[in-house]
């Protein structure tokens, strides 16, 4: 062993970096973590892997393009409410405008 070592060019972090994954610290509700651990134990996999898969699935589902069917469904839900608000606004008595000041 040497008496002294030079760490001037040393870098902080993992000795062997992992490609494609990053270590982070995150706060998760205890109930959520307990549920993932229980499900992971039943399925025989790691709870962190299961959490990663759940997040990946959520992201892939939310990135879906809007299809004609989805758009029609949204319009069916939103149009009646919009039309009601427009009808109520148009039937309301108009207010008198204040005289314009110059």
N, C-alpha and C. Protein backbone atom coordinates (compact mmCIF):
# COMPACT_ATOMS: atom_id res chain seq x y z
N UNK A 1 0.83 -1.19 0.00
CA UNK A 1 0.00 0.00 0.00
C UNK A 1 0.87 1.24 0.00
N UNK A 2 0.39 2.25 -0.67
CA UNK A 2 1.09 3.52 -0.69
C UNK A 2 0.80 4.29 0.59
N UNK A 3 1.68 5.17 0.90
CA UNK A 3 1.49 6.02 2.07
C UNK A 3 0.41 7.07 1.77
N UNK A 4 0.35 7.54 0.51
CA UNK A 4 -0.64 8.55 0.11
C UNK A 4 -1.21 8.21 -1.25
N UNK A 5 -2.47 8.58 -1.47
CA UNK A 5 -3.12 8.39 -2.76
C UNK A 5 -3.61 9.74 -3.25
N UNK A 6 -3.52 9.96 -4.58
CA UNK A 6 -3.94 11.22 -5.19
C UNK A 6 -5.34 11.05 -5.78
N UNK A 7 -6.30 11.73 -5.19
CA UNK A 7 -7.67 11.67 -5.68
C UNK A 7 -8.06 12.96 -6.42
N UNK A 8 -7.09 13.73 -6.89
CA UNK A 8 -7.35 15.00 -7.56
C UNK A 8 -8.22 14.80 -8.79
N UNK A 9 -8.05 13.72 -9.51
CA UNK A 9 -8.83 13.48 -10.73
C UNK A 9 -9.98 12.50 -10.49
N UNK A 10 -10.28 12.25 -9.24
CA UNK A 10 -11.35 11.33 -8.90
C UNK A 10 -12.72 11.93 -9.16
N UNK A 11 -13.68 11.07 -9.40
CA UNK A 11 -15.05 11.50 -9.63
C UNK A 11 -15.95 10.85 -8.61
N UNK A 12 -16.96 11.59 -8.17
CA UNK A 12 -17.93 11.05 -7.22
C UNK A 12 -18.93 10.18 -7.95
N UNK A 13 -19.48 9.24 -7.24
CA UNK A 13 -20.53 8.42 -7.83
C UNK A 13 -20.20 6.95 -7.73
N UNK A 14 -21.04 6.15 -8.39
CA UNK A 14 -20.86 4.71 -8.37
C UNK A 14 -19.56 4.33 -9.06
N UNK A 15 -18.93 3.29 -8.56
CA UNK A 15 -17.68 2.83 -9.15
C UNK A 15 -17.95 2.30 -10.54
N UNK A 16 -19.03 1.54 -10.69
CA UNK A 16 -19.41 1.01 -11.99
C UNK A 16 -20.78 1.60 -12.34
N UNK A 17 -20.80 2.58 -13.23
CA UNK A 17 -22.09 3.19 -13.57
C UNK A 17 -23.00 2.20 -14.28
N UNK A 18 -24.29 2.26 -13.99
CA UNK A 18 -25.26 1.39 -14.64
C UNK A 18 -25.87 2.13 -15.82
N UNK A 19 -25.90 1.50 -16.95
CA UNK A 19 -26.50 2.10 -18.14
C UNK A 19 -28.01 1.99 -18.07
N UNK A 20 -28.71 3.08 -18.32
CA UNK A 20 -30.16 3.05 -18.41
C UNK A 20 -30.91 3.22 -17.10
N UNK A 21 -30.23 3.23 -15.98
CA UNK A 21 -30.90 3.40 -14.70
C UNK A 21 -30.16 4.44 -13.87
N UNK A 22 -30.91 5.16 -13.06
CA UNK A 22 -30.34 6.19 -12.20
C UNK A 22 -30.85 5.99 -10.78
N UNK A 23 -29.95 6.06 -9.84
CA UNK A 23 -30.33 5.94 -8.43
C UNK A 23 -30.85 7.30 -7.96
N UNK A 24 -32.03 7.29 -7.36
CA UNK A 24 -32.62 8.52 -6.83
C UNK A 24 -33.17 8.27 -5.43
N UNK A 25 -33.44 9.33 -4.73
CA UNK A 25 -34.16 9.26 -3.46
C UNK A 25 -35.55 9.83 -3.70
N UNK A 26 -36.56 9.16 -3.19
CA UNK A 26 -37.93 9.59 -3.43
C UNK A 26 -38.76 9.27 -2.20
N UNK A 27 -39.74 10.11 -1.91
CA UNK A 27 -40.65 9.86 -0.80
C UNK A 27 -41.93 9.26 -1.35
N UNK A 28 -42.29 8.09 -0.84
CA UNK A 28 -43.50 7.37 -1.25
C UNK A 28 -44.36 7.18 -0.01
N UNK A 29 -45.67 7.32 -0.15
CA UNK A 29 -46.56 7.07 0.98
C UNK A 29 -46.34 5.65 1.49
N UNK A 30 -46.39 5.48 2.80
CA UNK A 30 -46.17 4.17 3.40
C UNK A 30 -47.16 3.14 2.89
N UNK A 31 -48.42 3.54 2.74
CA UNK A 31 -49.44 2.60 2.27
C UNK A 31 -49.15 2.12 0.84
N UNK A 32 -48.67 3.03 0.00
CA UNK A 32 -48.33 2.67 -1.38
C UNK A 32 -47.15 1.71 -1.39
N UNK A 33 -46.13 2.04 -0.63
CA UNK A 33 -44.95 1.19 -0.56
C UNK A 33 -45.28 -0.19 0.00
N UNK A 34 -46.11 -0.24 1.04
CA UNK A 34 -46.52 -1.52 1.62
C UNK A 34 -47.26 -2.37 0.60
N UNK A 35 -48.12 -1.73 -0.17
CA UNK A 35 -48.88 -2.47 -1.19
C UNK A 35 -47.96 -3.03 -2.27
N UNK A 36 -47.01 -2.23 -2.74
CA UNK A 36 -46.08 -2.72 -3.75
C UNK A 36 -45.23 -3.86 -3.19
N UNK A 37 -44.80 -3.74 -1.96
CA UNK A 37 -43.99 -4.81 -1.35
C UNK A 37 -44.80 -6.09 -1.22
N UNK A 38 -46.06 -5.97 -0.81
CA UNK A 38 -46.92 -7.16 -0.67
C UNK A 38 -47.16 -7.82 -2.02
N UNK A 39 -47.46 -7.01 -3.03
CA UNK A 39 -47.70 -7.57 -4.37
C UNK A 39 -46.43 -8.19 -4.95
N UNK A 40 -45.29 -7.56 -4.70
CA UNK A 40 -44.03 -8.09 -5.20
C UNK A 40 -43.70 -9.42 -4.54
N UNK A 41 -43.99 -9.53 -3.25
CA UNK A 41 -43.72 -10.77 -2.54
C UNK A 41 -44.60 -11.90 -3.08
N UNK A 42 -45.86 -11.59 -3.39
CA UNK A 42 -46.76 -12.60 -3.95
C UNK A 42 -46.30 -13.06 -5.32
N UNK A 43 -45.82 -12.12 -6.13
CA UNK A 43 -45.44 -12.47 -7.50
C UNK A 43 -43.99 -12.95 -7.60
N UNK A 44 -43.22 -12.78 -6.53
CA UNK A 44 -41.84 -13.25 -6.54
C UNK A 44 -40.88 -12.35 -7.29
N UNK A 45 -41.18 -11.07 -7.33
CA UNK A 45 -40.30 -10.10 -7.99
C UNK A 45 -39.96 -9.00 -7.01
N UNK A 46 -39.10 -8.08 -7.40
CA UNK A 46 -38.73 -6.97 -6.54
C UNK A 46 -39.76 -5.86 -6.60
N UNK A 47 -39.98 -5.19 -5.48
CA UNK A 47 -40.99 -4.13 -5.46
C UNK A 47 -40.54 -2.92 -6.28
N UNK A 48 -39.23 -2.66 -6.33
CA UNK A 48 -38.76 -1.52 -7.12
C UNK A 48 -38.97 -1.79 -8.61
N UNK A 49 -38.74 -3.02 -9.02
CA UNK A 49 -38.99 -3.39 -10.42
C UNK A 49 -40.46 -3.23 -10.74
N UNK A 50 -41.32 -3.65 -9.80
CA UNK A 50 -42.76 -3.54 -10.01
C UNK A 50 -43.19 -2.07 -10.09
N UNK A 51 -42.61 -1.21 -9.26
CA UNK A 51 -42.93 0.22 -9.30
C UNK A 51 -42.47 0.82 -10.62
N UNK A 52 -41.29 0.43 -11.09
CA UNK A 52 -40.77 0.93 -12.36
C UNK A 52 -41.69 0.52 -13.51
N UNK A 53 -42.14 -0.74 -13.48
CA UNK A 53 -43.04 -1.23 -14.53
C UNK A 53 -44.37 -0.48 -14.50
N UNK A 54 -44.89 -0.18 -13.30
CA UNK A 54 -46.15 0.56 -13.18
C UNK A 54 -45.99 1.97 -13.74
N UNK A 55 -44.89 2.62 -13.44
CA UNK A 55 -44.64 3.97 -13.97
C UNK A 55 -44.48 3.94 -15.49
N UNK A 56 -43.76 2.95 -15.99
CA UNK A 56 -43.57 2.83 -17.44
C UNK A 56 -44.91 2.61 -18.13
N UNK A 57 -45.77 1.74 -17.56
CA UNK A 57 -47.08 1.49 -18.14
C UNK A 57 -47.95 2.75 -18.13
N UNK A 58 -47.91 3.50 -17.03
CA UNK A 58 -48.68 4.75 -16.95
C UNK A 58 -48.23 5.73 -18.04
N UNK A 59 -46.92 5.88 -18.20
CA UNK A 59 -46.41 6.81 -19.20
C UNK A 59 -46.77 6.37 -20.62
N UNK A 60 -46.75 5.09 -20.88
CA UNK A 60 -47.08 4.63 -22.23
C UNK A 60 -48.57 4.80 -22.51
N UNK A 61 -49.41 4.70 -21.48
CA UNK A 61 -50.85 4.88 -21.68
C UNK A 61 -51.22 6.34 -21.87
N UNK A 62 -50.49 7.27 -21.25
CA UNK A 62 -50.83 8.68 -21.37
C UNK A 62 -50.27 9.31 -22.63
N UNK A 63 -49.34 8.65 -23.28
CA UNK A 63 -48.75 9.19 -24.51
C UNK A 63 -49.51 8.76 -25.76
N UNK A 64 -50.62 8.10 -25.59
CA UNK A 64 -51.38 7.62 -26.74
C UNK A 64 -51.94 8.80 -27.51
N UNK A 65 -51.89 8.74 -28.85
CA UNK A 65 -52.49 9.82 -29.64
C UNK A 65 -54.00 9.81 -29.48
N UNK A 66 -54.61 10.95 -29.70
CA UNK A 66 -56.05 11.06 -29.59
C UNK A 66 -56.66 10.45 -30.85
N UNK A 67 -57.45 9.42 -30.66
CA UNK A 67 -58.10 8.77 -31.79
C UNK A 67 -59.46 9.40 -32.03
N UNK A 68 -60.07 9.07 -33.15
CA UNK A 68 -61.40 9.59 -33.46
C UNK A 68 -62.40 9.13 -32.40
N UNK A 69 -62.28 7.88 -31.98
CA UNK A 69 -63.19 7.34 -30.98
C UNK A 69 -63.05 8.08 -29.66
N UNK A 70 -61.81 8.35 -29.23
CA UNK A 70 -61.58 9.08 -27.98
C UNK A 70 -62.13 10.49 -28.09
N UNK A 71 -61.88 11.14 -29.21
CA UNK A 71 -62.36 12.51 -29.42
C UNK A 71 -63.88 12.56 -29.38
N UNK A 72 -64.54 11.62 -30.03
CA UNK A 72 -66.00 11.58 -30.01
C UNK A 72 -66.53 11.38 -28.60
N UNK A 73 -65.89 10.50 -27.83
CA UNK A 73 -66.32 10.25 -26.46
C UNK A 73 -66.18 11.52 -25.62
N UNK A 74 -65.08 12.22 -25.76
CA UNK A 74 -64.86 13.45 -25.01
C UNK A 74 -65.90 14.50 -25.39
N UNK A 75 -66.15 14.64 -26.68
CA UNK A 75 -67.14 15.62 -27.13
C UNK A 75 -68.54 15.29 -26.61
N UNK A 76 -68.90 14.01 -26.59
CA UNK A 76 -70.20 13.62 -26.05
C UNK A 76 -70.34 14.00 -24.58
N UNK A 77 -69.24 13.92 -23.87
CA UNK A 77 -69.28 14.25 -22.44
C UNK A 77 -69.27 15.76 -22.21
N UNK A 78 -68.50 16.48 -23.00
CA UNK A 78 -68.29 17.91 -22.74
C UNK A 78 -69.30 18.82 -23.42
N UNK A 79 -69.80 18.46 -24.59
CA UNK A 79 -70.68 19.35 -25.34
C UNK A 79 -71.98 19.69 -24.60
N UNK A 80 -72.66 18.73 -24.00
CA UNK A 80 -73.91 19.11 -23.30
C UNK A 80 -73.67 20.16 -22.22
N UNK A 81 -72.62 20.02 -21.46
CA UNK A 81 -72.31 21.00 -20.41
C UNK A 81 -71.99 22.36 -21.02
N UNK A 82 -71.21 22.36 -22.09
CA UNK A 82 -70.86 23.61 -22.77
C UNK A 82 -72.11 24.29 -23.32
N UNK A 83 -72.97 23.51 -23.97
CA UNK A 83 -74.18 24.09 -24.56
C UNK A 83 -75.10 24.64 -23.48
N UNK A 84 -75.18 23.96 -22.35
CA UNK A 84 -76.00 24.48 -21.25
C UNK A 84 -75.47 25.83 -20.78
N UNK A 85 -74.17 25.95 -20.65
CA UNK A 85 -73.59 27.22 -20.17
C UNK A 85 -73.78 28.33 -21.19
N UNK A 86 -73.70 28.02 -22.47
CA UNK A 86 -73.91 29.01 -23.52
C UNK A 86 -75.37 29.45 -23.53
N UNK A 87 -76.29 28.51 -23.39
CA UNK A 87 -77.72 28.82 -23.39
C UNK A 87 -78.07 29.70 -22.20
N UNK A 88 -77.55 29.38 -21.04
CA UNK A 88 -77.81 30.18 -19.84
C UNK A 88 -77.25 31.59 -20.02
N UNK A 89 -76.07 31.72 -20.58
CA UNK A 89 -75.46 33.03 -20.76
C UNK A 89 -76.23 33.87 -21.78
N UNK A 90 -76.75 33.24 -22.83
CA UNK A 90 -77.46 34.01 -23.87
C UNK A 90 -78.87 34.41 -23.43
N UNK A 91 -79.48 33.66 -22.52
CA UNK A 91 -80.82 34.00 -22.06
C UNK A 91 -80.82 34.96 -20.89
N UNK A 92 -79.67 35.20 -20.31
CA UNK A 92 -79.59 36.14 -19.18
C UNK A 92 -79.86 37.55 -19.70
N UNK A 93 -80.44 38.38 -18.84
CA UNK A 93 -80.75 39.75 -19.26
C UNK A 93 -79.44 40.52 -19.41
N UNK A 94 -79.32 41.24 -20.51
CA UNK A 94 -78.08 42.00 -20.72
C UNK A 94 -77.99 43.17 -19.75
N UNK A 95 -76.81 43.45 -19.30
CA UNK A 95 -76.58 44.57 -18.38
C UNK A 95 -76.39 45.85 -19.18
N UNK A 96 -76.81 46.94 -18.56
CA UNK A 96 -76.58 48.24 -19.20
C UNK A 96 -75.13 48.62 -19.03
N UNK A 97 -74.58 49.16 -20.09
CA UNK A 97 -73.19 49.60 -20.03
C UNK A 97 -73.09 50.95 -19.38
N UNK A 98 -72.04 51.15 -18.64
CA UNK A 98 -71.77 52.45 -18.05
C UNK A 98 -71.34 53.39 -19.14
N UNK A 99 -71.67 54.67 -19.01
CA UNK A 99 -71.25 55.62 -20.04
C UNK A 99 -69.73 55.65 -20.14
N UNK A 100 -69.26 55.80 -21.34
CA UNK A 100 -67.85 55.80 -21.60
C UNK A 100 -67.23 57.12 -21.22
N UNK A 101 -66.17 57.07 -20.46
CA UNK A 101 -65.50 58.30 -20.05
C UNK A 101 -64.32 58.57 -20.98
N UNK A 102 -64.13 59.88 -21.28
CA UNK A 102 -63.02 60.25 -22.14
C UNK A 102 -62.00 61.01 -21.40
